[in-house]
């Protein structure tokens, strides 16, 4: 029992250190910009050794990957709750993913680095966070097909990747435009709904 408690404490301490580094990095990024912020400055603000930083992150931009990891874990939790309750799934599931776009709306400049890091990792088969995202998306699609809310003649992975491309592409467009002509979350909701409507059981098309 004591050994289990010791392991639990160590894991908790690791997570606390990781969170402290993350908070320090984002505070400096917002104040000085990602390019002007050094790993040494992040370590000083987080009160950790440089070696400790590199135990968690291979480079300063990798902190965005950890943020993605927390998002995926939260999405997994919320999706599980929705699936357990049953009923109509799509509107609830859609809004879970739409809500994660709030981060991008809060800080556009910082979000550009977040989007770039995600683009770098999203097709990397070795990236565990992106693979978890893909598995979650495919699982959600399968459930929608089982419930009859999506046509079942299209592979779940294919549907997920179409939805993911629409989701990420809308975010990137919104970030790149000097003055976006639409509200991000509203536009994501409309575009995802448009795709799902086209994949409804009554829809006809190529497999």
N, C-alpha and C. Protein backbone atom coordinates (compact mmCIF):
# COMPACT_ATOMS: atom_id res chain seq x y z
N UNK A 1 0.83 -1.21 0.00
CA UNK A 1 0.00 0.00 0.00
C UNK A 1 0.86 1.26 0.00
N UNK A 2 1.93 1.22 0.83
CA UNK A 2 2.84 2.38 0.91
C UNK A 2 3.51 2.63 -0.43
N UNK A 3 3.92 1.53 -1.09
CA UNK A 3 4.57 1.67 -2.40
C UNK A 3 3.62 2.30 -3.41
N UNK A 4 2.34 1.89 -3.35
CA UNK A 4 1.35 2.46 -4.27
C UNK A 4 1.16 3.94 -4.01
N UNK A 5 1.16 4.32 -2.73
CA UNK A 5 1.02 5.74 -2.39
C UNK A 5 2.21 6.54 -2.87
N UNK A 6 3.41 5.94 -2.74
CA UNK A 6 4.62 6.63 -3.20
C UNK A 6 4.57 6.87 -4.70
N UNK A 7 4.12 5.86 -5.45
CA UNK A 7 3.99 6.00 -6.90
C UNK A 7 2.98 7.08 -7.23
N UNK A 8 1.86 7.07 -6.51
CA UNK A 8 0.81 8.07 -6.73
C UNK A 8 1.33 9.47 -6.47
N UNK A 9 2.10 9.64 -5.40
CA UNK A 9 2.66 10.96 -5.09
C UNK A 9 3.63 11.41 -6.17
N UNK A 10 4.47 10.48 -6.64
CA UNK A 10 5.44 10.83 -7.68
C UNK A 10 4.73 11.26 -8.96
N UNK A 11 3.69 10.51 -9.33
CA UNK A 11 2.95 10.85 -10.53
C UNK A 11 2.26 12.21 -10.39
N UNK A 12 1.72 12.46 -9.20
CA UNK A 12 1.06 13.74 -8.96
C UNK A 12 2.07 14.88 -9.03
N UNK A 13 3.25 14.64 -8.47
CA UNK A 13 4.29 15.68 -8.50
C UNK A 13 4.75 15.95 -9.93
N UNK A 14 4.85 14.89 -10.72
CA UNK A 14 5.23 15.06 -12.13
C UNK A 14 4.21 15.92 -12.86
N UNK A 15 2.92 15.63 -12.64
CA UNK A 15 1.87 16.39 -13.30
C UNK A 15 1.88 17.85 -12.84
N UNK A 16 2.13 18.06 -11.56
CA UNK A 16 2.18 19.43 -11.04
C UNK A 16 3.34 20.21 -11.66
N UNK A 17 4.49 19.54 -11.81
CA UNK A 17 5.65 20.18 -12.44
C UNK A 17 5.35 20.51 -13.90
N UNK A 18 4.72 19.57 -14.58
CA UNK A 18 4.37 19.78 -15.99
C UNK A 18 3.41 20.95 -16.14
N UNK A 19 2.43 21.02 -15.26
CA UNK A 19 1.46 22.12 -15.29
C UNK A 19 2.15 23.46 -15.02
N UNK A 20 3.10 23.46 -14.10
CA UNK A 20 3.81 24.70 -13.77
C UNK A 20 4.63 25.19 -14.96
N UNK A 21 5.27 24.27 -15.66
CA UNK A 21 6.03 24.63 -16.86
C UNK A 21 5.08 25.19 -17.92
N UNK A 22 3.96 24.52 -18.10
CA UNK A 22 2.98 24.94 -19.09
C UNK A 22 2.48 26.36 -18.80
N UNK A 23 2.12 26.61 -17.55
CA UNK A 23 1.60 27.93 -17.18
C UNK A 23 2.66 29.02 -17.37
N UNK A 24 3.90 28.70 -17.01
CA UNK A 24 4.99 29.67 -17.18
C UNK A 24 5.23 29.96 -18.66
N UNK A 25 5.22 28.90 -19.48
CA UNK A 25 5.45 29.08 -20.90
C UNK A 25 4.38 29.95 -21.54
N UNK A 26 3.12 29.67 -21.25
CA UNK A 26 2.04 30.45 -21.86
C UNK A 26 2.03 31.89 -21.37
N UNK A 27 2.38 32.10 -20.11
CA UNK A 27 2.44 33.47 -19.59
C UNK A 27 3.51 34.27 -20.34
N UNK A 28 4.66 33.65 -20.57
CA UNK A 28 5.75 34.32 -21.29
C UNK A 28 5.42 34.47 -22.78
N UNK A 29 4.81 33.45 -23.36
CA UNK A 29 4.44 33.53 -24.77
C UNK A 29 3.49 34.70 -25.01
N UNK A 30 2.53 34.87 -24.10
CA UNK A 30 1.56 35.96 -24.26
C UNK A 30 2.22 37.32 -24.07
N UNK A 31 3.21 37.37 -23.20
CA UNK A 31 3.87 38.65 -22.90
C UNK A 31 4.91 39.03 -23.94
N UNK A 32 5.71 38.04 -24.38
CA UNK A 32 6.86 38.34 -25.23
C UNK A 32 6.77 37.73 -26.62
N UNK A 33 5.86 36.77 -26.80
CA UNK A 33 5.81 36.05 -28.07
C UNK A 33 6.59 34.75 -27.97
N UNK A 34 6.21 33.78 -28.77
CA UNK A 34 6.87 32.47 -28.72
C UNK A 34 8.32 32.58 -29.18
N UNK A 35 8.55 33.30 -30.28
CA UNK A 35 9.90 33.40 -30.81
C UNK A 35 10.90 34.05 -29.88
N UNK A 36 10.45 35.04 -29.13
CA UNK A 36 11.35 35.79 -28.24
C UNK A 36 11.55 35.13 -26.88
N UNK A 37 10.76 34.14 -26.58
CA UNK A 37 10.85 33.45 -25.28
C UNK A 37 11.84 32.30 -25.36
N UNK A 38 12.72 32.21 -24.38
CA UNK A 38 13.70 31.12 -24.35
C UNK A 38 13.31 30.06 -23.33
N UNK A 39 13.86 28.88 -23.51
CA UNK A 39 13.63 27.79 -22.56
C UNK A 39 14.14 28.19 -21.17
N UNK A 40 15.27 28.91 -21.15
CA UNK A 40 15.84 29.35 -19.88
C UNK A 40 14.85 30.25 -19.13
N UNK A 41 14.19 31.12 -19.83
CA UNK A 41 13.22 32.02 -19.19
C UNK A 41 12.01 31.25 -18.66
N UNK A 42 11.59 30.26 -19.41
CA UNK A 42 10.47 29.43 -18.96
C UNK A 42 10.86 28.69 -17.68
N UNK A 43 12.07 28.13 -17.67
CA UNK A 43 12.54 27.39 -16.50
C UNK A 43 12.65 28.30 -15.28
N UNK A 44 13.13 29.51 -15.49
CA UNK A 44 13.27 30.44 -14.37
C UNK A 44 11.90 30.79 -13.79
N UNK A 45 10.95 31.04 -14.65
CA UNK A 45 9.61 31.41 -14.19
C UNK A 45 8.91 30.22 -13.51
N UNK A 46 9.12 29.02 -14.05
CA UNK A 46 8.50 27.81 -13.49
C UNK A 46 9.27 27.26 -12.30
N UNK A 47 10.47 27.81 -12.07
CA UNK A 47 11.33 27.36 -10.97
C UNK A 47 11.70 25.88 -11.11
N UNK A 48 12.18 25.54 -12.32
CA UNK A 48 12.66 24.18 -12.57
C UNK A 48 14.00 24.27 -13.29
N UNK A 49 14.76 23.19 -13.20
CA UNK A 49 16.04 23.13 -13.90
C UNK A 49 15.79 22.91 -15.40
N UNK A 50 16.77 23.32 -16.20
CA UNK A 50 16.63 23.17 -17.65
C UNK A 50 16.48 21.69 -18.03
N UNK A 51 17.21 20.85 -17.32
CA UNK A 51 17.12 19.41 -17.58
C UNK A 51 15.73 18.88 -17.30
N UNK A 52 15.08 19.44 -16.28
CA UNK A 52 13.72 19.03 -15.95
C UNK A 52 12.76 19.39 -17.07
N UNK A 53 12.95 20.59 -17.62
CA UNK A 53 12.10 21.00 -18.74
C UNK A 53 12.19 19.98 -19.87
N UNK A 54 13.42 19.59 -20.24
CA UNK A 54 13.60 18.68 -21.37
C UNK A 54 13.19 17.25 -21.04
N UNK A 55 12.97 16.94 -19.77
CA UNK A 55 12.41 15.64 -19.41
C UNK A 55 10.95 15.55 -19.86
N UNK A 56 10.31 16.71 -19.96
CA UNK A 56 8.90 16.75 -20.32
C UNK A 56 8.66 17.19 -21.76
N UNK A 57 9.49 18.12 -22.25
CA UNK A 57 9.26 18.70 -23.57
C UNK A 57 10.57 18.76 -24.36
N UNK A 58 10.57 18.27 -25.62
CA UNK A 58 11.80 18.30 -26.41
C UNK A 58 12.18 19.70 -26.89
N UNK A 59 11.22 20.61 -26.94
CA UNK A 59 11.45 21.99 -27.35
C UNK A 59 10.31 22.83 -26.79
N UNK A 60 10.46 24.15 -26.82
CA UNK A 60 9.46 25.00 -26.17
C UNK A 60 8.09 24.91 -26.83
N UNK A 61 8.05 24.73 -28.16
CA UNK A 61 6.76 24.66 -28.86
C UNK A 61 5.97 23.42 -28.48
N UNK A 62 6.65 22.43 -27.91
CA UNK A 62 5.97 21.17 -27.57
C UNK A 62 4.97 21.33 -26.44
N UNK A 63 5.00 22.46 -25.74
CA UNK A 63 4.00 22.68 -24.69
C UNK A 63 2.60 22.74 -25.29
N UNK A 64 2.51 23.13 -26.55
CA UNK A 64 1.21 23.14 -27.22
C UNK A 64 0.68 21.73 -27.39
N UNK A 65 1.60 20.79 -27.58
CA UNK A 65 1.20 19.39 -27.69
C UNK A 65 0.60 18.87 -26.40
N UNK A 66 1.14 19.34 -25.26
CA UNK A 66 0.60 18.92 -23.98
C UNK A 66 -0.80 19.48 -23.79
N UNK A 67 -1.01 20.70 -24.27
CA UNK A 67 -2.35 21.27 -24.20
C UNK A 67 -3.32 20.43 -25.02
N UNK A 68 -2.86 19.97 -26.18
CA UNK A 68 -3.70 19.09 -27.01
C UNK A 68 -4.03 17.82 -26.26
N UNK A 69 -3.06 17.31 -25.50
CA UNK A 69 -3.28 16.09 -24.73
C UNK A 69 -4.40 16.28 -23.69
N UNK A 70 -4.41 17.43 -23.04
CA UNK A 70 -5.46 17.70 -22.05
C UNK A 70 -6.81 17.83 -22.73
N UNK A 71 -6.83 18.40 -23.93
CA UNK A 71 -8.09 18.53 -24.69
C UNK A 71 -8.63 17.16 -25.08
N UNK A 72 -7.75 16.29 -25.56
CA UNK A 72 -8.18 14.96 -25.97
C UNK A 72 -8.74 14.18 -24.78
N UNK A 73 -8.05 14.27 -23.64
CA UNK A 73 -8.52 13.58 -22.44
C UNK A 73 -9.90 14.10 -22.02
N UNK A 74 -10.09 15.40 -22.09
CA UNK A 74 -11.38 16.00 -21.74
C UNK A 74 -12.45 15.58 -22.75
N UNK A 75 -12.10 15.54 -24.02
CA UNK A 75 -13.05 15.12 -25.04
C UNK A 75 -13.45 13.66 -24.84
N UNK A 76 -12.49 12.82 -24.51
CA UNK A 76 -12.78 11.40 -24.25
C UNK A 76 -13.77 11.26 -23.09
N UNK A 77 -13.56 12.04 -22.05
CA UNK A 77 -14.44 11.98 -20.88
C UNK A 77 -15.86 12.43 -21.24
N UNK A 78 -15.96 13.56 -21.93
CA UNK A 78 -17.28 14.10 -22.27
C UNK A 78 -18.02 13.21 -23.26
N UNK A 79 -17.31 12.66 -24.22
CA UNK A 79 -17.93 11.77 -25.20
C UNK A 79 -18.47 10.52 -24.50
N UNK A 80 -17.70 9.97 -23.57
CA UNK A 80 -18.14 8.79 -22.82
C UNK A 80 -19.43 9.08 -22.07
N UNK A 81 -19.53 10.26 -21.47
CA UNK A 81 -20.74 10.65 -20.74
C UNK A 81 -21.95 10.74 -21.68
N UNK A 82 -21.75 11.32 -22.85
CA UNK A 82 -22.84 11.48 -23.82
C UNK A 82 -23.30 10.13 -24.34
N UNK A 83 -22.35 9.25 -24.66
CA UNK A 83 -22.71 7.93 -25.18
C UNK A 83 -23.44 7.11 -24.12
N UNK A 84 -23.06 7.30 -22.86
CA UNK A 84 -23.70 6.55 -21.78
C UNK A 84 -25.16 6.97 -21.58
N UNK A 85 -25.45 8.23 -21.84
CA UNK A 85 -26.81 8.74 -21.64
C UNK A 85 -27.74 8.36 -22.78
N UNK A 86 -27.21 8.14 -23.97
CA UNK A 86 -28.04 7.77 -25.11
C UNK A 86 -28.80 8.95 -25.67
N UNK A 87 -29.90 8.66 -26.36
CA UNK A 87 -30.67 9.72 -27.01
C UNK A 87 -29.99 10.17 -28.29
N UNK A 88 -30.44 11.29 -28.83
CA UNK A 88 -29.84 11.84 -30.04
C UNK A 88 -28.41 12.28 -29.74
N UNK A 89 -27.45 11.78 -30.52
CA UNK A 89 -26.04 11.99 -30.19
C UNK A 89 -25.40 13.18 -30.90
N UNK A 90 -25.69 13.36 -32.19
CA UNK A 90 -24.89 14.30 -32.99
C UNK A 90 -24.82 15.71 -32.44
N UNK A 91 -25.94 16.39 -32.11
CA UNK A 91 -25.82 17.77 -31.63
C UNK A 91 -24.94 17.90 -30.39
N UNK A 92 -25.04 16.93 -29.48
CA UNK A 92 -24.24 16.98 -28.25
C UNK A 92 -22.77 16.73 -28.54
N UNK A 93 -22.50 15.74 -29.37
CA UNK A 93 -21.11 15.43 -29.71
C UNK A 93 -20.47 16.57 -30.48
N UNK A 94 -21.21 17.13 -31.43
CA UNK A 94 -20.69 18.27 -32.21
C UNK A 94 -20.29 19.41 -31.29
N UNK A 95 -21.15 19.74 -30.33
CA UNK A 95 -20.89 20.89 -29.48
C UNK A 95 -19.71 20.68 -28.54
N UNK A 96 -19.41 19.42 -28.20
CA UNK A 96 -18.22 19.13 -27.39
C UNK A 96 -16.97 19.60 -28.13
N UNK A 97 -16.88 19.24 -29.41
CA UNK A 97 -15.69 19.59 -30.18
C UNK A 97 -15.67 21.07 -30.56
N UNK A 98 -16.83 21.65 -30.80
CA UNK A 98 -16.90 23.07 -31.11
C UNK A 98 -16.38 23.90 -29.94
N UNK A 99 -16.71 23.48 -28.74
CA UNK A 99 -16.34 24.26 -27.55
C UNK A 99 -14.82 24.37 -27.38
N UNK A 100 -14.07 23.38 -27.85
CA UNK A 100 -12.61 23.45 -27.74
C UNK A 100 -12.01 24.58 -28.58
N UNK A 101 -12.79 25.10 -29.52
CA UNK A 101 -12.31 26.22 -30.34
C UNK A 101 -12.27 27.53 -29.55
N UNK A 102 -12.81 27.51 -28.33
CA UNK A 102 -12.79 28.72 -27.50
C UNK A 102 -11.37 29.23 -27.29
N UNK A 103 -10.43 28.30 -27.15
CA UNK A 103 -9.03 28.69 -26.94
C UNK A 103 -8.53 29.57 -28.08
N UNK A 104 -8.87 29.20 -29.28
CA UNK A 104 -8.40 29.95 -30.45
C UNK A 104 -9.00 31.36 -30.47
N UNK A 105 -10.22 31.49 -30.03
CA UNK A 105 -10.87 32.79 -30.02
C UNK A 105 -10.27 33.72 -28.96
N UNK A 106 -9.77 33.14 -27.88
CA UNK A 106 -9.25 33.94 -26.77
C UNK A 106 -7.92 34.61 -27.09
N UNK A 107 -7.08 33.96 -27.88
CA UNK A 107 -5.74 34.52 -28.16
C UNK A 107 -5.30 34.05 -29.55
N UNK A 108 -5.61 34.87 -30.56
CA UNK A 108 -5.35 34.46 -31.94
C UNK A 108 -3.86 34.27 -32.22
N UNK A 109 -3.02 35.16 -31.72
CA UNK A 109 -1.60 35.06 -32.02
C UNK A 109 -0.99 33.80 -31.44
N UNK A 110 -1.32 33.50 -30.20
CA UNK A 110 -0.81 32.28 -29.57
C UNK A 110 -1.40 31.04 -30.25
N UNK A 111 -2.63 31.17 -30.68
CA UNK A 111 -3.32 30.04 -31.31
C UNK A 111 -2.69 29.64 -32.64
N UNK A 112 -2.03 30.58 -33.31
CA UNK A 112 -1.38 30.25 -34.57
C UNK A 112 -0.29 29.20 -34.35
N UNK A 113 0.39 29.31 -33.22
CA UNK A 113 1.43 28.33 -32.90
C UNK A 113 0.80 27.00 -32.51
N UNK A 114 -0.33 27.06 -31.83
CA UNK A 114 -1.05 25.84 -31.46
C UNK A 114 -1.49 25.10 -32.72
N UNK A 115 -2.05 25.83 -33.67
CA UNK A 115 -2.52 25.21 -34.91
C UNK A 115 -1.35 24.64 -35.72
N UNK A 116 -0.23 25.36 -35.72
CA UNK A 116 0.95 24.89 -36.45
C UNK A 116 1.50 23.60 -35.84
N UNK A 117 1.51 23.53 -34.52
CA UNK A 117 2.00 22.33 -33.84
C UNK A 117 1.08 21.15 -34.12
N UNK A 118 -0.21 21.41 -34.12
CA UNK A 118 -1.15 20.32 -34.41
C UNK A 118 -0.99 19.85 -35.86
N UNK A 119 -0.81 20.79 -36.79
CA UNK A 119 -0.60 20.43 -38.19
C UNK A 119 0.65 19.59 -38.36
N UNK A 120 1.67 19.89 -37.57
CA UNK A 120 2.93 19.16 -37.66
C UNK A 120 2.76 17.72 -37.20
N UNK A 121 1.89 17.50 -36.22
CA UNK A 121 1.78 16.19 -35.59
C UNK A 121 0.62 15.34 -36.10
N UNK A 122 -0.37 15.96 -36.71
CA UNK A 122 -1.63 15.26 -36.97
C UNK A 122 -1.51 14.06 -37.88
N UNK A 123 -0.48 14.03 -38.74
CA UNK A 123 -0.31 12.88 -39.64
C UNK A 123 0.91 12.03 -39.25
N UNK A 124 1.42 12.26 -38.04
CA UNK A 124 2.56 11.49 -37.56
C UNK A 124 2.05 10.23 -36.86
N UNK A 125 2.30 9.04 -37.42
CA UNK A 125 1.78 7.81 -36.81
C UNK A 125 2.35 7.54 -35.42
N UNK A 126 3.46 8.20 -35.09
CA UNK A 126 4.07 7.98 -33.78
C UNK A 126 3.53 8.93 -32.72
N UNK A 127 2.73 9.91 -33.11
CA UNK A 127 2.19 10.87 -32.15
C UNK A 127 0.97 10.27 -31.45
N UNK A 128 1.12 9.95 -30.17
CA UNK A 128 0.06 9.24 -29.46
C UNK A 128 -1.18 10.11 -29.25
N UNK A 129 -1.00 11.42 -29.07
CA UNK A 129 -2.15 12.30 -28.86
C UNK A 129 -3.02 12.36 -30.10
N UNK A 130 -2.40 12.54 -31.25
CA UNK A 130 -3.16 12.59 -32.50
C UNK A 130 -3.82 11.26 -32.81
N UNK A 131 -3.15 10.15 -32.46
CA UNK A 131 -3.76 8.84 -32.68
C UNK A 131 -4.97 8.65 -31.77
N UNK A 132 -4.89 9.15 -30.53
CA UNK A 132 -6.05 9.09 -29.64
C UNK A 132 -7.21 9.91 -30.20
N UNK A 133 -6.90 11.04 -30.77
CA UNK A 133 -7.92 11.90 -31.40
C UNK A 133 -8.58 11.15 -32.56
N UNK A 134 -7.77 10.48 -33.39
CA UNK A 134 -8.30 9.72 -34.51
C UNK A 134 -9.19 8.58 -34.02
N UNK A 135 -8.74 7.88 -32.99
CA UNK A 135 -9.52 6.75 -32.45
C UNK A 135 -10.84 7.24 -31.87
N UNK A 136 -10.80 8.39 -31.20
CA UNK A 136 -12.02 8.96 -30.63
C UNK A 136 -12.99 9.34 -31.74
N UNK A 137 -12.47 9.98 -32.78
CA UNK A 137 -13.32 10.39 -33.89
C UNK A 137 -13.96 9.21 -34.60
N UNK A 138 -13.20 8.15 -34.80
CA UNK A 138 -13.73 6.95 -35.45
C UNK A 138 -14.78 6.28 -34.56
N UNK A 139 -14.53 6.28 -33.25
CA UNK A 139 -15.48 5.67 -32.31
C UNK A 139 -16.80 6.44 -32.31
N UNK A 140 -16.71 7.77 -32.32
CA UNK A 140 -17.90 8.61 -32.36
C UNK A 140 -18.68 8.35 -33.66
N UNK A 141 -17.97 8.25 -34.77
CA UNK A 141 -18.62 8.00 -36.05
C UNK A 141 -19.34 6.66 -36.05
N UNK A 142 -18.70 5.63 -35.51
CA UNK A 142 -19.34 4.31 -35.46
C UNK A 142 -20.63 4.35 -34.65
N UNK A 143 -20.60 5.07 -33.53
CA UNK A 143 -21.79 5.17 -32.69
C UNK A 143 -22.92 5.90 -33.42
N UNK A 144 -22.57 6.93 -34.17
CA UNK A 144 -23.58 7.65 -34.95
C UNK A 144 -24.17 6.75 -36.03
N UNK A 145 -23.36 5.90 -36.59
CA UNK A 145 -23.85 4.96 -37.60
C UNK A 145 -24.77 3.91 -36.96
N UNK A 146 -24.37 3.41 -35.80
CA UNK A 146 -25.18 2.41 -35.10
C UNK A 146 -26.53 3.00 -34.71
N UNK A 147 -26.54 4.27 -34.32
CA UNK A 147 -27.78 4.94 -33.92
C UNK A 147 -28.64 5.35 -35.12
N UNK A 148 -28.12 5.17 -36.31
CA UNK A 148 -28.87 5.54 -37.50
C UNK A 148 -28.83 7.03 -37.82
N UNK A 149 -27.89 7.75 -37.19
CA UNK A 149 -27.77 9.18 -37.45
C UNK A 149 -26.81 9.48 -38.59
N UNK A 150 -26.08 8.45 -39.03
CA UNK A 150 -25.19 8.57 -40.19
C UNK A 150 -25.36 7.34 -41.07
N UNK A 151 -25.21 7.51 -42.36
CA UNK A 151 -25.22 6.37 -43.27
C UNK A 151 -24.07 5.43 -42.90
N UNK A 152 -24.29 4.16 -43.04
CA UNK A 152 -23.31 3.18 -42.58
C UNK A 152 -22.50 2.55 -43.71
N UNK A 153 -22.56 3.14 -44.90
CA UNK A 153 -21.82 2.57 -46.03
C UNK A 153 -20.51 3.31 -46.29
N UNK A 154 -20.11 4.14 -45.32
CA UNK A 154 -18.83 4.84 -45.41
C UNK A 154 -17.99 4.46 -44.19
N UNK A 155 -16.72 4.16 -44.40
CA UNK A 155 -15.86 3.73 -43.29
C UNK A 155 -15.77 4.83 -42.23
N UNK A 156 -15.90 4.48 -40.94
CA UNK A 156 -15.84 5.47 -39.85
C UNK A 156 -14.57 6.32 -39.89
N UNK A 157 -13.43 5.70 -40.22
CA UNK A 157 -12.17 6.46 -40.29
C UNK A 157 -12.25 7.54 -41.35
N UNK A 158 -12.89 7.21 -42.47
CA UNK A 158 -12.98 8.17 -43.56
C UNK A 158 -13.86 9.35 -43.16
N UNK A 159 -14.99 9.06 -42.53
CA UNK A 159 -15.87 10.13 -42.06
C UNK A 159 -15.15 11.02 -41.05
N UNK A 160 -14.45 10.39 -40.12
CA UNK A 160 -13.72 11.17 -39.10
C UNK A 160 -12.72 12.11 -39.75
N UNK A 161 -11.96 11.62 -40.72
CA UNK A 161 -10.93 12.46 -41.34
C UNK A 161 -11.55 13.62 -42.13
N UNK A 162 -12.70 13.39 -42.73
CA UNK A 162 -13.39 14.48 -43.42
C UNK A 162 -13.80 15.55 -42.41
N UNK A 163 -14.41 15.12 -41.31
CA UNK A 163 -14.84 16.06 -40.28
C UNK A 163 -13.65 16.78 -39.65
N UNK A 164 -12.56 16.04 -39.41
CA UNK A 164 -11.36 16.64 -38.81
C UNK A 164 -10.75 17.68 -39.75
N UNK A 165 -10.74 17.38 -41.04
CA UNK A 165 -10.20 18.34 -42.02
C UNK A 165 -11.04 19.62 -42.05
N UNK A 166 -12.35 19.46 -41.98
CA UNK A 166 -13.23 20.64 -41.96
C UNK A 166 -12.98 21.44 -40.69
N UNK A 167 -12.89 20.76 -39.58
CA UNK A 167 -12.68 21.40 -38.28
C UNK A 167 -11.35 22.18 -38.26
N UNK A 168 -10.27 21.48 -38.57
CA UNK A 168 -8.95 22.10 -38.51
C UNK A 168 -8.79 23.15 -39.60
N UNK A 169 -9.31 22.87 -40.79
CA UNK A 169 -9.20 23.82 -41.89
C UNK A 169 -9.91 25.13 -41.60
N UNK A 170 -11.06 25.05 -40.94
CA UNK A 170 -11.80 26.26 -40.58
C UNK A 170 -11.01 27.09 -39.58
N UNK A 171 -10.38 26.42 -38.62
CA UNK A 171 -9.57 27.12 -37.62
C UNK A 171 -8.38 27.82 -38.28
N UNK A 172 -7.68 27.10 -39.15
CA UNK A 172 -6.51 27.68 -39.83
C UNK A 172 -6.92 28.88 -40.68
N UNK A 173 -8.03 28.76 -41.41
CA UNK A 173 -8.50 29.88 -42.22
C UNK A 173 -8.80 31.09 -41.33
N UNK A 174 -9.48 30.85 -40.23
CA UNK A 174 -9.85 31.93 -39.30
C UNK A 174 -8.60 32.62 -38.73
N UNK A 175 -7.58 31.84 -38.45
CA UNK A 175 -6.35 32.39 -37.88
C UNK A 175 -5.53 33.17 -38.92
N UNK A 176 -5.59 32.74 -40.17
CA UNK A 176 -4.76 33.37 -41.19
C UNK A 176 -5.36 34.65 -41.75
N UNK A 177 -6.68 34.79 -41.71
CA UNK A 177 -7.32 36.00 -42.24
C UNK A 177 -7.07 37.18 -41.31
N UNK A 178 -6.68 38.33 -41.85
CA UNK A 178 -6.43 39.51 -41.00
C UNK A 178 -7.67 39.90 -40.18
N UNK A 179 -8.81 39.87 -40.83
CA UNK A 179 -10.07 40.15 -40.14
C UNK A 179 -11.09 39.08 -40.53
N UNK A 180 -11.20 38.03 -39.73
CA UNK A 180 -12.11 36.93 -40.05
C UNK A 180 -13.55 37.42 -40.27
N UNK A 181 -14.20 36.95 -41.32
CA UNK A 181 -15.56 37.41 -41.63
C UNK A 181 -16.64 36.64 -40.87
N UNK A 182 -16.23 35.76 -39.97
CA UNK A 182 -17.21 34.96 -39.23
C UNK A 182 -16.71 34.67 -37.82
N UNK A 183 -17.64 34.33 -36.95
CA UNK A 183 -17.30 33.90 -35.60
C UNK A 183 -16.88 32.43 -35.67
N UNK A 184 -15.74 32.12 -35.08
CA UNK A 184 -15.14 30.82 -35.29
C UNK A 184 -16.05 29.66 -34.88
N UNK A 185 -16.53 29.66 -33.65
CA UNK A 185 -17.33 28.53 -33.18
C UNK A 185 -18.62 28.38 -33.97
N UNK A 186 -19.24 29.50 -34.32
CA UNK A 186 -20.47 29.44 -35.11
C UNK A 186 -20.21 28.81 -36.48
N UNK A 187 -19.10 29.20 -37.08
CA UNK A 187 -18.78 28.69 -38.43
C UNK A 187 -18.42 27.21 -38.38
N UNK A 188 -17.68 26.81 -37.36
CA UNK A 188 -17.35 25.38 -37.22
C UNK A 188 -18.62 24.57 -37.06
N UNK A 189 -19.53 25.05 -36.23
CA UNK A 189 -20.79 24.34 -36.00
C UNK A 189 -21.58 24.19 -37.32
N UNK A 190 -21.64 25.26 -38.09
CA UNK A 190 -22.38 25.23 -39.35
C UNK A 190 -21.73 24.27 -40.36
N UNK A 191 -20.40 24.31 -40.43
CA UNK A 191 -19.72 23.47 -41.42
C UNK A 191 -19.80 21.99 -41.06
N UNK A 192 -19.63 21.68 -39.78
CA UNK A 192 -19.73 20.28 -39.36
C UNK A 192 -21.15 19.76 -39.59
N UNK A 193 -22.13 20.59 -39.30
CA UNK A 193 -23.52 20.19 -39.51
C UNK A 193 -23.80 19.96 -40.98
N UNK A 194 -23.25 20.81 -41.83
CA UNK A 194 -23.43 20.66 -43.28
C UNK A 194 -22.89 19.32 -43.76
N UNK A 195 -21.70 18.94 -43.26
CA UNK A 195 -21.11 17.67 -43.65
C UNK A 195 -21.96 16.50 -43.15
N UNK A 196 -22.38 16.56 -41.89
CA UNK A 196 -23.18 15.48 -41.33
C UNK A 196 -24.52 15.35 -42.06
N UNK A 197 -25.14 16.47 -42.41
CA UNK A 197 -26.39 16.43 -43.16
C UNK A 197 -26.20 15.71 -44.48
N UNK A 198 -25.03 15.93 -45.09
CA UNK A 198 -24.74 15.26 -46.36
C UNK A 198 -24.46 13.77 -46.20
N UNK A 199 -24.16 13.35 -44.95
CA UNK A 199 -23.89 11.93 -44.69
C UNK A 199 -25.05 11.26 -43.97
N UNK A 200 -26.21 11.91 -43.94
CA UNK A 200 -27.39 11.34 -43.30
C UNK A 200 -27.80 10.06 -44.04
N UNK A 201 -28.50 9.15 -43.37
CA UNK A 201 -28.87 7.87 -44.01
C UNK A 201 -29.59 7.99 -45.33
N UNK A 202 -30.33 9.09 -45.52
CA UNK A 202 -31.09 9.25 -46.76
C UNK A 202 -30.23 9.76 -47.91
N UNK A 203 -29.00 10.21 -47.60
CA UNK A 203 -28.12 10.78 -48.62
C UNK A 203 -27.61 9.69 -49.56
N UNK A 204 -27.40 10.05 -50.80
CA UNK A 204 -26.86 9.12 -51.79
C UNK A 204 -25.52 9.66 -52.28
N UNK A 205 -24.60 8.80 -52.52
CA UNK A 205 -23.31 9.25 -53.03
C UNK A 205 -22.35 8.10 -53.20
N UNK A 206 -21.14 8.40 -53.62
CA UNK A 206 -20.13 7.37 -53.80
C UNK A 206 -19.61 6.90 -52.47
N UNK A 207 -19.26 5.65 -52.39
CA UNK A 207 -18.66 5.11 -51.19
C UNK A 207 -17.22 5.54 -51.10
